[in-house]
Amino acid sequence: MSASDKPLELKLAEQQVLSNVFPEVSSIPDMENYSWKKQSFKHSEVLFKPGQPCDRFMLLGHGVVRVELQNPQSRAMVLYRIEPGQLCIHSLINLINDDVYSFIAVAETDGWFCWADKDHFHRWMTQSGDFQRWIFNNIGSRFKQVVDRFAQHAFISVESRLAGLLIEKMGPDQLVHWKQSDMAAELGTAREIVSRHLSRWQKQNLLETRRGVIEILDIQTLVDIAV
């Protein structure tokens, strides 16, 4: 990832956060004693994009990052999200294969990550069996999530997935604060298709759409559609 500010050394409190969310760091002496660099990021900041070199091993200390695929027409599909305690499978595979990024990562919140250079990543992979197992276990579990997501896209209709998404994101006030373009990216479909379903449901009095907000009026019917 690349953020706009210059890298800083981790403070003691941040090192403690790192050890809490990534206990593996404390179990591998070379990692625990490494002088990690820190970079902050802001909401909506692009942290990496296709064609950029992948030369850092990164650990997310705070915030949420969305990794997505974009076509030349800027239509997006969310592949997965990274939260503290999770690794980015795309970065790991690129580091192992010495490849460049193919996807785009966008910050969904403010936050910070720390990083080690590529040479240290390869050294840990070579010298530490525990580190190597940790990396490959993360690649395996995250890959399963991505495969499951594509399976949903292939076998579950956009209508059902959209209804489920609305129920999932609905707050206690029955409001969903999501833009239609973001819903389309989450579902891997076109914004026009999302708009078409929402318009039909509004005519059926299942919901009401306003700018940037959707109010759910009939929860049970949307649950039935999602199922």
Protein backbone atom coordinates (compact mmCIF):
# COMPACT_ATOMS: atom_id res chain seq x y z
CA MET A 1 0.00 0.00 0.00
CA SER A 2 1.08 3.54 -0.49
CA ALA A 3 -0.37 6.37 1.54
CA SER A 4 0.13 10.07 1.09
CA ASP A 5 2.19 10.72 4.21
CA LYS A 6 5.79 9.70 4.85
CA PRO A 7 6.47 6.49 6.81
CA LEU A 8 7.04 6.84 10.56
CA GLU A 9 8.40 4.51 13.20
CA LEU A 10 5.79 2.68 15.26
CA LYS A 11 5.19 4.11 18.73
CA LEU A 12 5.12 1.83 21.77
CA ALA A 13 1.31 1.92 21.99
CA GLU A 14 1.03 1.08 18.30
CA GLN A 15 3.47 -1.80 18.72
CA GLN A 16 1.16 -3.14 21.43
CA VAL A 17 -1.82 -2.83 19.08
CA LEU A 18 0.15 -4.69 16.44
CA SER A 19 0.97 -7.51 18.87
CA ASN A 20 -2.67 -7.71 20.00
CA VAL A 21 -4.20 -7.98 16.51
CA PHE A 22 -1.34 -10.05 15.07
CA PRO A 23 -0.14 -12.35 17.89
CA GLU A 24 2.05 -14.10 15.33
CA VAL A 25 4.38 -11.08 15.44
CA SER A 26 5.23 -11.76 19.09
CA SER A 27 5.85 -15.44 18.43
CA ILE A 28 8.49 -14.83 15.76
CA PRO A 29 11.51 -13.01 17.31
CA ASP A 30 12.78 -11.52 14.06
CA MET A 31 9.36 -9.94 13.43
CA GLU A 32 8.91 -8.67 16.97
CA ASN A 33 12.32 -6.96 16.92
CA TYR A 34 11.91 -5.54 13.43
CA SER A 35 11.68 -1.73 13.11
CA TRP A 36 8.26 -1.54 11.49
CA LYS A 37 7.37 1.55 9.47
CA LYS A 38 3.92 3.10 9.86
CA GLN A 39 1.70 4.98 7.38
CA SER A 40 -1.72 6.52 7.96
CA PHE A 41 -4.52 6.75 5.44
CA LYS A 42 -7.80 8.60 5.06
CA HIS A 43 -11.28 7.44 4.08
CA SER A 44 -11.61 6.91 0.29
CA GLU A 45 -7.84 7.04 -0.27
CA VAL A 46 -6.52 4.64 -2.92
CA LEU A 47 -3.83 2.55 -1.26
CA PHE A 48 -2.69 0.55 -4.26
CA LYS A 49 -3.80 0.18 -7.86
CA PRO A 50 -3.01 -1.98 -10.92
CA GLY A 51 0.53 -1.74 -12.24
CA GLN A 52 2.13 -0.53 -9.01
CA PRO A 53 5.01 -2.64 -7.65
CA CYS A 54 4.26 -4.74 -4.58
CA ASP A 55 7.34 -4.27 -2.42
CA ARG A 56 5.95 -4.26 1.14
CA PHE A 57 4.62 -6.79 3.63
CA MET A 58 1.79 -4.95 5.35
CA LEU A 59 -0.12 -5.42 8.61
CA LEU A 60 -3.28 -3.37 9.13
CA GLY A 61 -3.35 -1.86 12.62
CA HIS A 62 -6.57 0.14 12.39
CA GLY A 63 -9.32 0.74 9.83
CA VAL A 64 -10.99 -1.17 6.99
CA VAL A 65 -9.68 -1.54 3.43
CA ARG A 66 -11.70 -2.74 0.43
CA VAL A 67 -9.98 -4.69 -2.37
CA GLU A 68 -11.85 -4.64 -5.67
CA LEU A 69 -11.54 -5.41 -9.35
CA GLN A 70 -12.26 -2.63 -11.85
CA ASN A 71 -12.73 -2.89 -15.61
CA PRO A 72 -11.69 -0.16 -18.08
CA GLN A 73 -15.20 1.34 -17.83
CA SER A 74 -14.63 1.80 -14.04
CA ARG A 75 -17.26 -0.78 -13.15
CA ALA A 76 -16.13 -2.35 -9.87
CA MET A 77 -16.64 -5.62 -8.02
CA VAL A 78 -15.63 -6.00 -4.38
CA LEU A 79 -13.44 -9.08 -3.83
CA TYR A 80 -12.91 -8.86 -0.07
CA ARG A 81 -12.21 -6.50 2.82
CA ILE A 82 -9.22 -6.33 5.13
CA GLU A 83 -9.65 -5.60 8.84
CA PRO A 84 -7.07 -5.61 11.67
CA GLY A 85 -5.83 -9.15 12.18
CA GLN A 86 -6.31 -10.08 8.51
CA LEU A 87 -3.80 -10.19 5.67
CA CYS A 88 -4.26 -9.20 2.02
CA ILE A 89 -4.06 -12.31 -0.16
CA HIS A 90 -3.37 -10.23 -3.27
CA SER A 91 -0.33 -8.60 -1.66
CA LEU A 92 0.96 -11.91 -0.33
CA ILE A 93 0.75 -13.65 -3.71
CA ASN A 94 2.42 -10.68 -5.43
CA LEU A 95 5.24 -10.68 -2.87
CA ILE A 96 5.80 -14.42 -3.30
CA ASN A 97 5.74 -14.17 -7.11
CA ASP A 98 7.53 -10.79 -7.28
CA ASP A 99 4.59 -9.40 -9.26
CA VAL A 100 2.77 -6.05 -9.52
CA TYR A 101 -0.72 -5.27 -8.25
CA SER A 102 -3.67 -6.19 -10.47
CA PHE A 103 -6.48 -4.96 -8.22
CA ILE A 104 -7.29 -1.70 -6.45
CA ALA A 105 -7.48 -1.12 -2.70
CA VAL A 106 -9.56 1.72 -1.24
CA ALA A 107 -9.79 2.80 2.40
CA GLU A 108 -13.33 2.54 3.76
CA THR A 109 -12.31 4.33 6.97
CA ASP A 110 -9.39 6.32 8.32
CA GLY A 111 -6.66 4.08 9.69
CA TRP A 112 -3.03 3.04 9.63
CA PHE A 113 -0.88 0.11 8.61
CA CYS A 114 2.70 -0.88 9.27
CA TRP A 115 5.04 -2.52 6.83
CA ALA A 116 8.31 -4.34 6.32
CA ASP A 117 10.29 -4.35 3.11
CA LYS A 118 10.08 -7.21 0.61
CA ASP A 119 13.56 -8.53 1.44
CA HIS A 120 12.58 -9.11 5.06
CA PHE A 121 9.38 -10.85 3.96
CA HIS A 122 11.38 -13.31 1.85
CA ARG A 123 13.89 -13.79 4.68
CA TRP A 124 11.09 -14.68 7.13
CA MET A 125 9.53 -17.01 4.55
CA THR A 126 12.88 -18.81 4.16
CA GLN A 127 14.03 -18.89 7.78
CA SER A 128 10.81 -19.33 9.78
CA GLY A 129 8.51 -22.30 9.36
CA ASP A 130 5.96 -20.64 11.67
CA PHE A 131 5.88 -17.53 9.51
CA GLN A 132 5.57 -19.56 6.32
CA ARG A 133 2.67 -21.60 7.74
CA TRP A 134 0.95 -18.39 8.88
CA ILE A 135 1.23 -16.88 5.41
CA PHE A 136 -0.01 -19.95 3.55
CA ASN A 137 -2.87 -20.50 6.03
CA ASN A 138 -3.99 -16.92 5.40
CA ILE A 139 -3.79 -17.37 1.64
CA GLY A 140 -5.86 -20.56 1.87
CA SER A 141 -8.61 -19.15 4.10
CA ARG A 142 -8.90 -15.89 2.17
CA PHE A 143 -8.93 -17.71 -1.17
CA LYS A 144 -11.87 -19.79 0.08
CA GLN A 145 -13.74 -16.56 0.90
CA VAL A 146 -13.13 -15.22 -2.59
CA VAL A 147 -14.27 -18.49 -4.19
CA ASP A 148 -17.42 -18.51 -2.03
CA ARG A 149 -18.13 -14.93 -3.12
CA PHE A 150 -17.86 -15.84 -6.79
CA ALA A 151 -20.09 -18.87 -6.19
CA GLN A 152 -22.75 -16.55 -4.77
CA HIS A 153 -22.49 -14.35 -7.85
CA ALA A 154 -22.86 -17.38 -10.10
CA PHE A 155 -25.73 -19.20 -8.38
CA ILE A 156 -27.72 -16.60 -6.42
CA SER A 157 -29.71 -13.95 -8.29
CA VAL A 158 -28.86 -10.27 -8.02
CA GLU A 159 -32.37 -9.68 -6.65
CA SER A 160 -31.84 -12.09 -3.75
CA ARG A 161 -28.35 -10.79 -2.99
CA LEU A 162 -29.54 -7.18 -3.09
CA ALA A 163 -32.39 -7.92 -0.68
CA GLY A 164 -29.94 -9.68 1.64
CA LEU A 165 -27.50 -6.78 1.43
CA LEU A 166 -30.21 -4.28 2.38
CA ILE A 167 -31.21 -6.35 5.41
CA GLU A 168 -27.57 -6.78 6.41
CA LYS A 169 -26.78 -3.05 6.20
CA MET A 170 -30.07 -1.83 7.70
CA GLY A 171 -29.72 0.08 10.97
CA PRO A 172 -32.06 0.04 13.99
CA ASP A 173 -33.98 2.92 12.37
CA GLN A 174 -34.55 0.72 9.28
CA LEU A 175 -32.35 3.03 7.21
CA VAL A 176 -29.58 1.93 4.83
CA HIS A 177 -26.94 4.60 4.24
CA TRP A 178 -25.39 3.26 1.04
CA LYS A 179 -25.09 4.68 -2.44
CA GLN A 180 -26.44 2.61 -5.31
CA SER A 181 -23.01 2.59 -6.97
CA ASP A 182 -21.51 1.06 -3.81
CA MET A 183 -24.22 -1.60 -3.71
CA ALA A 184 -23.53 -2.45 -7.35
CA ALA A 185 -19.81 -2.85 -6.63
CA GLU A 186 -20.58 -5.02 -3.61
CA LEU A 187 -22.82 -7.26 -5.71
CA GLY A 188 -20.63 -7.28 -8.82
CA THR A 189 -23.35 -5.86 -11.05
CA ALA A 190 -24.27 -2.64 -12.83
CA ARG A 191 -25.73 0.34 -11.01
CA GLU A 192 -28.66 0.36 -13.45
CA ILE A 193 -29.68 -3.13 -12.34
CA VAL A 194 -29.63 -2.12 -8.68
CA SER A 195 -31.67 0.99 -9.49
CA ARG A 196 -34.21 -1.11 -11.41
CA HIS A 197 -34.80 -3.45 -8.46
CA LEU A 198 -35.03 -0.59 -5.97
CA SER A 199 -37.54 1.28 -8.15
CA ARG A 200 -39.73 -1.81 -8.42
CA TRP A 201 -39.61 -2.45 -4.69
CA GLN A 202 -40.47 1.17 -4.02
CA LYS A 203 -43.59 0.83 -6.20
CA GLN A 204 -44.47 -2.27 -4.15
CA ASN A 205 -44.07 -0.25 -0.92
CA LEU A 206 -41.22 -2.44 0.32
CA LEU A 207 -38.90 0.51 0.71
CA GLU A 208 -38.47 4.19 0.00
CA THR A 209 -35.40 5.64 -1.66
CA ARG A 210 -34.01 9.07 -0.94
CA ARG A 211 -30.66 10.62 -1.84
CA GLY A 212 -28.02 8.42 -0.24
CA VAL A 213 -30.57 6.71 2.04
CA ILE A 214 -32.99 3.82 1.70
CA GLU A 215 -35.75 3.29 4.26
CA ILE A 216 -36.92 -0.31 4.61
CA LEU A 217 -40.72 -0.45 4.99
CA ASP A 218 -41.37 -4.20 4.69
CA ILE A 219 -38.56 -6.19 6.28
CA GLN A 220 -40.22 -9.60 6.09
CA THR A 221 -40.84 -9.47 2.35
CA LEU A 222 -37.23 -8.50 1.70
CA VAL A 223 -36.10 -11.37 3.95
CA ASP A 224 -38.29 -13.73 1.90
CA ILE A 225 -36.72 -12.44 -1.33
CA ALA A 226 -33.23 -12.86 0.12
CA VAL A 227 -33.95 -16.46 1.09
